[in-house]
Amino acid sequence: MTGNTNYISLYKQLLFFFNRPKNITLYVVTLKNSNIGYILIHMKERKIFITEAIEKNHRQSGIGTFLLDFIKNEYQDFEIFADILHNNIASSKLHEKNGFIKIASNENFSTFRYAKNPETLN
């Protein structure tokens, strides 16, 4: 995360990631032959760092929850983290609703970690 809040279209973000390093995986959500969202996974040892985006007119439709559920199931042996800009309240709420807990914060963003068991943060 760069802390840059300028809008970058989903198309440009996807183009950027097509030549990604081997430790990065990209899953794209397609509806009626249109890319409407993605989740990007950056893997470091047994940890993954995720970022996702959904096209504006497809938000609040369950796609974000679908993506997070997919990642939680597919990468259940990994620690899962997400950095979310402070002004992205909807994304923070989405992650919290799906079992993520805020574990750190700086001037630009908060770091969330998925907690399979919130009492032990494991």
N, C-alpha and C. Protein backbone atom coordinates (compact mmCIF):
# COMPACT_ATOMS: atom_id res chain seq x y z
N MET A 1 0.84 -1.17 0.00
CA MET A 1 0.00 0.00 0.00
C MET A 1 0.89 1.23 0.00
N THR A 2 0.59 2.17 -0.85
CA THR A 2 1.41 3.36 -0.97
C THR A 2 0.87 4.53 -0.17
N GLY A 3 -0.38 4.47 0.24
CA GLY A 3 -0.99 5.61 0.90
C GLY A 3 -1.54 6.61 -0.09
N ASN A 4 -1.39 6.36 -1.39
CA ASN A 4 -1.89 7.23 -2.43
C ASN A 4 -3.38 6.97 -2.58
N THR A 5 -4.20 7.99 -2.40
CA THR A 5 -5.65 7.81 -2.48
C THR A 5 -6.21 8.22 -3.83
N ASN A 6 -5.38 8.54 -4.81
CA ASN A 6 -5.88 8.87 -6.14
C ASN A 6 -6.55 7.66 -6.75
N TYR A 7 -7.63 7.89 -7.50
CA TYR A 7 -8.37 6.80 -8.12
C TYR A 7 -7.55 6.19 -9.25
N ILE A 8 -7.47 4.87 -9.24
CA ILE A 8 -6.85 4.13 -10.33
C ILE A 8 -7.89 3.13 -10.78
N SER A 9 -8.23 3.13 -12.06
CA SER A 9 -9.28 2.24 -12.54
C SER A 9 -8.91 0.79 -12.33
N LEU A 10 -9.93 -0.03 -12.19
CA LEU A 10 -9.71 -1.47 -12.03
C LEU A 10 -8.92 -2.00 -13.21
N TYR A 11 -9.22 -1.53 -14.41
CA TYR A 11 -8.51 -1.98 -15.61
C TYR A 11 -7.01 -1.69 -15.49
N LYS A 12 -6.64 -0.49 -15.06
CA LYS A 12 -5.22 -0.14 -14.92
C LYS A 12 -4.56 -0.95 -13.82
N GLN A 13 -5.29 -1.22 -12.75
CA GLN A 13 -4.73 -2.04 -11.67
C GLN A 13 -4.45 -3.45 -12.17
N LEU A 14 -5.38 -4.00 -12.93
CA LEU A 14 -5.18 -5.35 -13.46
C LEU A 14 -4.00 -5.38 -14.43
N LEU A 15 -3.88 -4.38 -15.28
CA LEU A 15 -2.75 -4.33 -16.20
C LEU A 15 -1.42 -4.30 -15.45
N PHE A 16 -1.38 -3.54 -14.37
CA PHE A 16 -0.17 -3.45 -13.56
C PHE A 16 0.23 -4.82 -13.03
N PHE A 17 -0.74 -5.62 -12.63
CA PHE A 17 -0.45 -6.90 -11.99
C PHE A 17 -0.22 -8.06 -12.94
N PHE A 18 -0.44 -7.87 -14.24
CA PHE A 18 -0.22 -8.96 -15.18
C PHE A 18 1.23 -9.44 -15.21
N ASN A 19 2.17 -8.57 -14.97
CA ASN A 19 3.58 -8.93 -14.96
C ASN A 19 4.10 -9.01 -13.52
N ARG A 20 3.36 -9.62 -12.67
CA ARG A 20 3.66 -9.67 -11.25
C ARG A 20 4.73 -10.72 -10.93
N PRO A 21 5.41 -10.57 -9.80
CA PRO A 21 6.37 -11.59 -9.35
C PRO A 21 5.67 -12.90 -9.02
N LYS A 22 6.44 -13.98 -8.91
CA LYS A 22 5.87 -15.30 -8.67
C LYS A 22 5.21 -15.44 -7.31
N ASN A 23 5.55 -14.61 -6.34
CA ASN A 23 4.95 -14.72 -5.00
C ASN A 23 3.65 -13.92 -4.89
N ILE A 24 3.13 -13.47 -6.03
CA ILE A 24 1.87 -12.72 -6.05
C ILE A 24 0.87 -13.49 -6.91
N THR A 25 -0.33 -13.67 -6.37
CA THR A 25 -1.40 -14.35 -7.08
C THR A 25 -2.57 -13.39 -7.22
N LEU A 26 -3.19 -13.41 -8.38
CA LEU A 26 -4.32 -12.53 -8.65
C LEU A 26 -5.52 -13.37 -9.03
N TYR A 27 -6.64 -13.15 -8.35
CA TYR A 27 -7.91 -13.77 -8.70
C TYR A 27 -8.83 -12.66 -9.19
N VAL A 28 -9.46 -12.87 -10.33
CA VAL A 28 -10.33 -11.86 -10.94
C VAL A 28 -11.77 -12.37 -10.92
N VAL A 29 -12.70 -11.50 -10.54
CA VAL A 29 -14.12 -11.82 -10.57
C VAL A 29 -14.68 -11.28 -11.88
N THR A 30 -15.33 -12.18 -12.63
CA THR A 30 -15.89 -11.82 -13.92
C THR A 30 -17.39 -12.07 -13.91
N LEU A 31 -18.14 -11.13 -14.43
CA LEU A 31 -19.59 -11.25 -14.55
C LEU A 31 -19.98 -10.82 -15.95
N LYS A 32 -20.63 -11.71 -16.68
CA LYS A 32 -21.08 -11.41 -18.05
C LYS A 32 -19.93 -10.87 -18.90
N ASN A 33 -18.81 -11.56 -18.86
CA ASN A 33 -17.62 -11.23 -19.64
C ASN A 33 -16.97 -9.89 -19.28
N SER A 34 -17.27 -9.35 -18.10
CA SER A 34 -16.64 -8.12 -17.64
C SER A 34 -15.94 -8.38 -16.31
N ASN A 35 -14.72 -7.88 -16.18
CA ASN A 35 -14.01 -7.96 -14.91
C ASN A 35 -14.61 -6.93 -13.97
N ILE A 36 -15.12 -7.42 -12.83
CA ILE A 36 -15.79 -6.51 -11.90
C ILE A 36 -15.08 -6.41 -10.56
N GLY A 37 -14.02 -7.17 -10.38
CA GLY A 37 -13.28 -7.09 -9.14
C GLY A 37 -12.10 -8.05 -9.14
N TYR A 38 -11.31 -7.93 -8.09
CA TYR A 38 -10.16 -8.83 -7.95
C TYR A 38 -9.74 -8.90 -6.49
N ILE A 39 -8.95 -9.91 -6.20
CA ILE A 39 -8.24 -9.98 -4.93
C ILE A 39 -6.81 -10.38 -5.27
N LEU A 40 -5.88 -9.64 -4.74
CA LEU A 40 -4.46 -9.85 -4.98
C LEU A 40 -3.84 -10.37 -3.70
N ILE A 41 -3.02 -11.41 -3.83
CA ILE A 41 -2.37 -12.02 -2.68
C ILE A 41 -0.87 -11.93 -2.85
N HIS A 42 -0.22 -11.34 -1.87
CA HIS A 42 1.24 -11.27 -1.83
C HIS A 42 1.70 -12.21 -0.73
N MET A 43 2.41 -13.25 -1.10
CA MET A 43 2.79 -14.29 -0.16
C MET A 43 4.23 -14.08 0.32
N LYS A 44 4.40 -14.14 1.64
CA LYS A 44 5.72 -14.09 2.27
C LYS A 44 5.75 -15.17 3.33
N GLU A 45 6.50 -16.24 3.06
CA GLU A 45 6.58 -17.39 3.96
C GLU A 45 5.17 -17.92 4.24
N ARG A 46 4.73 -17.97 5.49
CA ARG A 46 3.40 -18.49 5.83
C ARG A 46 2.41 -17.35 6.08
N LYS A 47 2.68 -16.19 5.50
CA LYS A 47 1.79 -15.04 5.64
C LYS A 47 1.35 -14.60 4.26
N ILE A 48 0.08 -14.15 4.16
CA ILE A 48 -0.36 -13.53 2.92
C ILE A 48 -0.92 -12.15 3.24
N PHE A 49 -0.67 -11.26 2.33
CA PHE A 49 -1.14 -9.88 2.43
C PHE A 49 -2.09 -9.67 1.25
N ILE A 50 -3.32 -9.28 1.55
CA ILE A 50 -4.32 -9.19 0.50
C ILE A 50 -4.74 -7.76 0.25
N THR A 51 -5.15 -7.53 -0.97
CA THR A 51 -5.82 -6.29 -1.34
C THR A 51 -6.88 -6.66 -2.36
N GLU A 52 -8.01 -6.03 -2.26
CA GLU A 52 -9.08 -6.34 -3.19
C GLU A 52 -9.79 -5.07 -3.62
N ALA A 53 -10.46 -5.18 -4.75
CA ALA A 53 -11.24 -4.04 -5.26
C ALA A 53 -12.44 -4.60 -6.01
N ILE A 54 -13.55 -3.92 -5.87
CA ILE A 54 -14.78 -4.26 -6.56
C ILE A 54 -15.24 -3.00 -7.30
N GLU A 55 -15.63 -3.15 -8.57
CA GLU A 55 -16.15 -2.00 -9.31
C GLU A 55 -17.31 -1.39 -8.53
N LYS A 56 -17.39 -0.07 -8.56
CA LYS A 56 -18.33 0.67 -7.73
C LYS A 56 -19.78 0.18 -7.86
N ASN A 57 -20.23 -0.08 -9.07
CA ASN A 57 -21.64 -0.47 -9.24
C ASN A 57 -21.92 -1.92 -8.86
N HIS A 58 -20.91 -2.67 -8.38
CA HIS A 58 -21.09 -4.05 -7.94
C HIS A 58 -20.82 -4.21 -6.44
N ARG A 59 -20.60 -3.10 -5.75
CA ARG A 59 -20.37 -3.17 -4.30
C ARG A 59 -21.68 -3.43 -3.58
N GLN A 60 -21.60 -3.87 -2.35
CA GLN A 60 -22.77 -4.19 -1.52
C GLN A 60 -23.60 -5.32 -2.11
N SER A 61 -22.95 -6.20 -2.88
CA SER A 61 -23.66 -7.31 -3.51
C SER A 61 -23.16 -8.67 -3.02
N GLY A 62 -22.24 -8.68 -2.05
CA GLY A 62 -21.72 -9.93 -1.51
C GLY A 62 -20.43 -10.40 -2.15
N ILE A 63 -19.93 -9.69 -3.15
CA ILE A 63 -18.71 -10.10 -3.84
C ILE A 63 -17.51 -10.01 -2.91
N GLY A 64 -17.42 -8.96 -2.12
CA GLY A 64 -16.30 -8.81 -1.18
C GLY A 64 -16.27 -9.95 -0.17
N THR A 65 -17.42 -10.29 0.38
CA THR A 65 -17.50 -11.41 1.32
C THR A 65 -17.14 -12.72 0.62
N PHE A 66 -17.62 -12.89 -0.60
CA PHE A 66 -17.27 -14.09 -1.38
C PHE A 66 -15.75 -14.21 -1.53
N LEU A 67 -15.09 -13.10 -1.90
CA LEU A 67 -13.64 -13.12 -2.08
C LEU A 67 -12.92 -13.44 -0.78
N LEU A 68 -13.33 -12.82 0.31
CA LEU A 68 -12.68 -13.07 1.60
C LEU A 68 -12.91 -14.51 2.06
N ASP A 69 -14.12 -15.03 1.87
CA ASP A 69 -14.39 -16.43 2.22
C ASP A 69 -13.52 -17.37 1.39
N PHE A 70 -13.39 -17.07 0.12
CA PHE A 70 -12.54 -17.89 -0.75
C PHE A 70 -11.10 -17.92 -0.23
N ILE A 71 -10.56 -16.75 0.12
CA ILE A 71 -9.18 -16.66 0.59
C ILE A 71 -9.03 -17.38 1.94
N LYS A 72 -9.98 -17.19 2.84
CA LYS A 72 -9.90 -17.84 4.15
C LYS A 72 -9.91 -19.37 4.01
N ASN A 73 -10.66 -19.88 3.05
CA ASN A 73 -10.71 -21.33 2.82
C ASN A 73 -9.50 -21.83 2.05
N GLU A 74 -9.10 -21.12 1.03
CA GLU A 74 -8.00 -21.55 0.16
C GLU A 74 -6.65 -21.45 0.86
N TYR A 75 -6.50 -20.49 1.76
CA TYR A 75 -5.23 -20.23 2.44
C TYR A 75 -5.38 -20.39 3.95
N GLN A 76 -6.10 -21.41 4.38
CA GLN A 76 -6.39 -21.56 5.80
C GLN A 76 -5.17 -21.87 6.66
N ASP A 77 -4.07 -22.29 6.06
CA ASP A 77 -2.85 -22.56 6.83
C ASP A 77 -1.93 -21.35 6.90
N PHE A 78 -2.39 -20.21 6.40
CA PHE A 78 -1.59 -18.99 6.36
C PHE A 78 -2.18 -17.95 7.31
N GLU A 79 -1.33 -17.03 7.78
CA GLU A 79 -1.82 -15.84 8.45
C GLU A 79 -2.23 -14.87 7.35
N ILE A 80 -3.38 -14.23 7.49
CA ILE A 80 -3.92 -13.35 6.45
C ILE A 80 -3.99 -11.93 6.99
N PHE A 81 -3.41 -11.00 6.23
CA PHE A 81 -3.37 -9.58 6.62
C PHE A 81 -3.93 -8.72 5.50
N ALA A 82 -4.47 -7.56 5.88
CA ALA A 82 -4.94 -6.56 4.91
C ALA A 82 -4.64 -5.18 5.45
N ASP A 83 -4.07 -4.33 4.61
CA ASP A 83 -3.86 -2.91 4.94
C ASP A 83 -4.98 -2.12 4.28
N ILE A 84 -5.67 -1.30 5.06
CA ILE A 84 -6.83 -0.57 4.56
C ILE A 84 -6.68 0.91 4.90
N LEU A 85 -6.84 1.76 3.89
CA LEU A 85 -6.76 3.20 4.11
C LEU A 85 -7.82 3.62 5.12
N HIS A 86 -7.49 4.59 5.96
CA HIS A 86 -8.41 5.06 7.00
C HIS A 86 -9.73 5.54 6.43
N ASN A 87 -9.70 6.17 5.26
CA ASN A 87 -10.93 6.72 4.70
C ASN A 87 -11.79 5.68 3.99
N ASN A 88 -11.33 4.43 3.94
CA ASN A 88 -12.10 3.36 3.31
C ASN A 88 -12.89 2.60 4.38
N ILE A 89 -13.88 3.28 4.90
CA ILE A 89 -14.68 2.74 6.00
C ILE A 89 -15.42 1.48 5.58
N ALA A 90 -15.94 1.46 4.37
CA ALA A 90 -16.67 0.28 3.89
C ALA A 90 -15.78 -0.96 3.89
N SER A 91 -14.55 -0.81 3.45
CA SER A 91 -13.63 -1.95 3.43
C SER A 91 -13.29 -2.40 4.85
N SER A 92 -13.08 -1.46 5.74
CA SER A 92 -12.81 -1.82 7.14
C SER A 92 -13.97 -2.62 7.72
N LYS A 93 -15.19 -2.16 7.47
CA LYS A 93 -16.37 -2.86 7.99
C LYS A 93 -16.50 -4.25 7.36
N LEU A 94 -16.22 -4.35 6.07
CA LEU A 94 -16.28 -5.65 5.39
C LEU A 94 -15.32 -6.64 6.04
N HIS A 95 -14.09 -6.20 6.29
CA HIS A 95 -13.10 -7.09 6.88
C HIS A 95 -13.48 -7.47 8.31
N GLU A 96 -13.95 -6.50 9.09
CA GLU A 96 -14.35 -6.78 10.47
C GLU A 96 -15.52 -7.77 10.50
N LYS A 97 -16.48 -7.58 9.60
CA LYS A 97 -17.64 -8.48 9.51
C LYS A 97 -17.22 -9.90 9.16
N ASN A 98 -16.07 -10.03 8.51
CA ASN A 98 -15.58 -11.33 8.06
C ASN A 98 -14.43 -11.87 8.90
N GLY A 99 -14.34 -11.42 10.14
CA GLY A 99 -13.41 -12.04 11.10
C GLY A 99 -12.03 -11.41 11.18
N PHE A 100 -11.84 -10.23 10.60
CA PHE A 100 -10.55 -9.55 10.69
C PHE A 100 -10.57 -8.59 11.87
N ILE A 101 -9.43 -8.49 12.53
CA ILE A 101 -9.27 -7.61 13.69
C ILE A 101 -8.16 -6.61 13.40
N LYS A 102 -8.41 -5.33 13.75
CA LYS A 102 -7.38 -4.31 13.57
C LYS A 102 -6.27 -4.56 14.56
N ILE A 103 -5.03 -4.66 14.05
CA ILE A 103 -3.90 -4.95 14.94
C ILE A 103 -2.87 -3.83 14.97
N ALA A 104 -2.95 -2.89 14.01
CA ALA A 104 -1.98 -1.79 13.97
C ALA A 104 -2.56 -0.66 13.14
N SER A 105 -1.98 0.52 13.30
CA SER A 105 -2.44 1.68 12.55
C SER A 105 -1.31 2.69 12.44
N ASN A 106 -1.26 3.39 11.32
CA ASN A 106 -0.34 4.51 11.18
C ASN A 106 -1.11 5.68 10.60
N GLU A 107 -0.42 6.69 10.11
CA GLU A 107 -1.12 7.90 9.65
C GLU A 107 -1.96 7.66 8.39
N ASN A 108 -1.66 6.63 7.61
CA ASN A 108 -2.37 6.40 6.35
C ASN A 108 -3.36 5.25 6.37
N PHE A 109 -3.02 4.17 7.06
CA PHE A 109 -3.87 2.99 6.99
C PHE A 109 -3.81 2.18 8.27
N SER A 110 -4.75 1.24 8.37
CA SER A 110 -4.79 0.28 9.47
C SER A 110 -4.49 -1.10 8.92
N THR A 111 -3.83 -1.91 9.73
CA THR A 111 -3.55 -3.29 9.36
C THR A 111 -4.52 -4.19 10.10
N PHE A 112 -5.15 -5.08 9.35
CA PHE A 112 -6.09 -6.04 9.90
C PHE A 112 -5.52 -7.44 9.72
N ARG A 113 -5.84 -8.31 10.66
CA ARG A 113 -5.42 -9.71 10.58
C ARG A 113 -6.64 -10.58 10.76
N TYR A 114 -6.75 -11.61 9.91
CA TYR A 114 -7.85 -12.55 10.06
C TYR A 114 -7.62 -13.39 11.30
N ALA A 115 -8.66 -13.49 12.13
CA ALA A 115 -8.57 -14.24 13.38
C ALA A 115 -9.54 -15.41 13.32
N LYS A 116 -9.00 -16.62 13.10
CA LYS A 116 -9.86 -17.81 13.13
C LYS A 116 -10.52 -17.94 14.49
N ASN A 117 -9.76 -17.63 15.53
CA ASN A 117 -10.25 -17.65 16.90
C ASN A 117 -9.89 -16.30 17.51
N PRO A 118 -10.80 -15.34 17.53
CA PRO A 118 -10.48 -13.98 18.00
C PRO A 118 -9.89 -13.91 19.40
N GLU A 119 -10.24 -14.86 20.27
CA GLU A 119 -9.73 -14.80 21.64
C GLU A 119 -8.21 -14.99 21.68
N THR A 120 -7.68 -15.80 20.76
CA THR A 120 -6.25 -16.06 20.75
C THR A 120 -5.56 -15.43 19.55
N LEU A 121 -6.35 -14.81 18.67
CA LEU A 121 -5.87 -14.20 17.43
C LEU A 121 -5.12 -15.24 16.60
N ASN A 122 -5.60 -16.47 16.57
CA ASN A 122 -5.03 -17.56 15.77
C ASN A 122 -6.08 -18.11 14.83
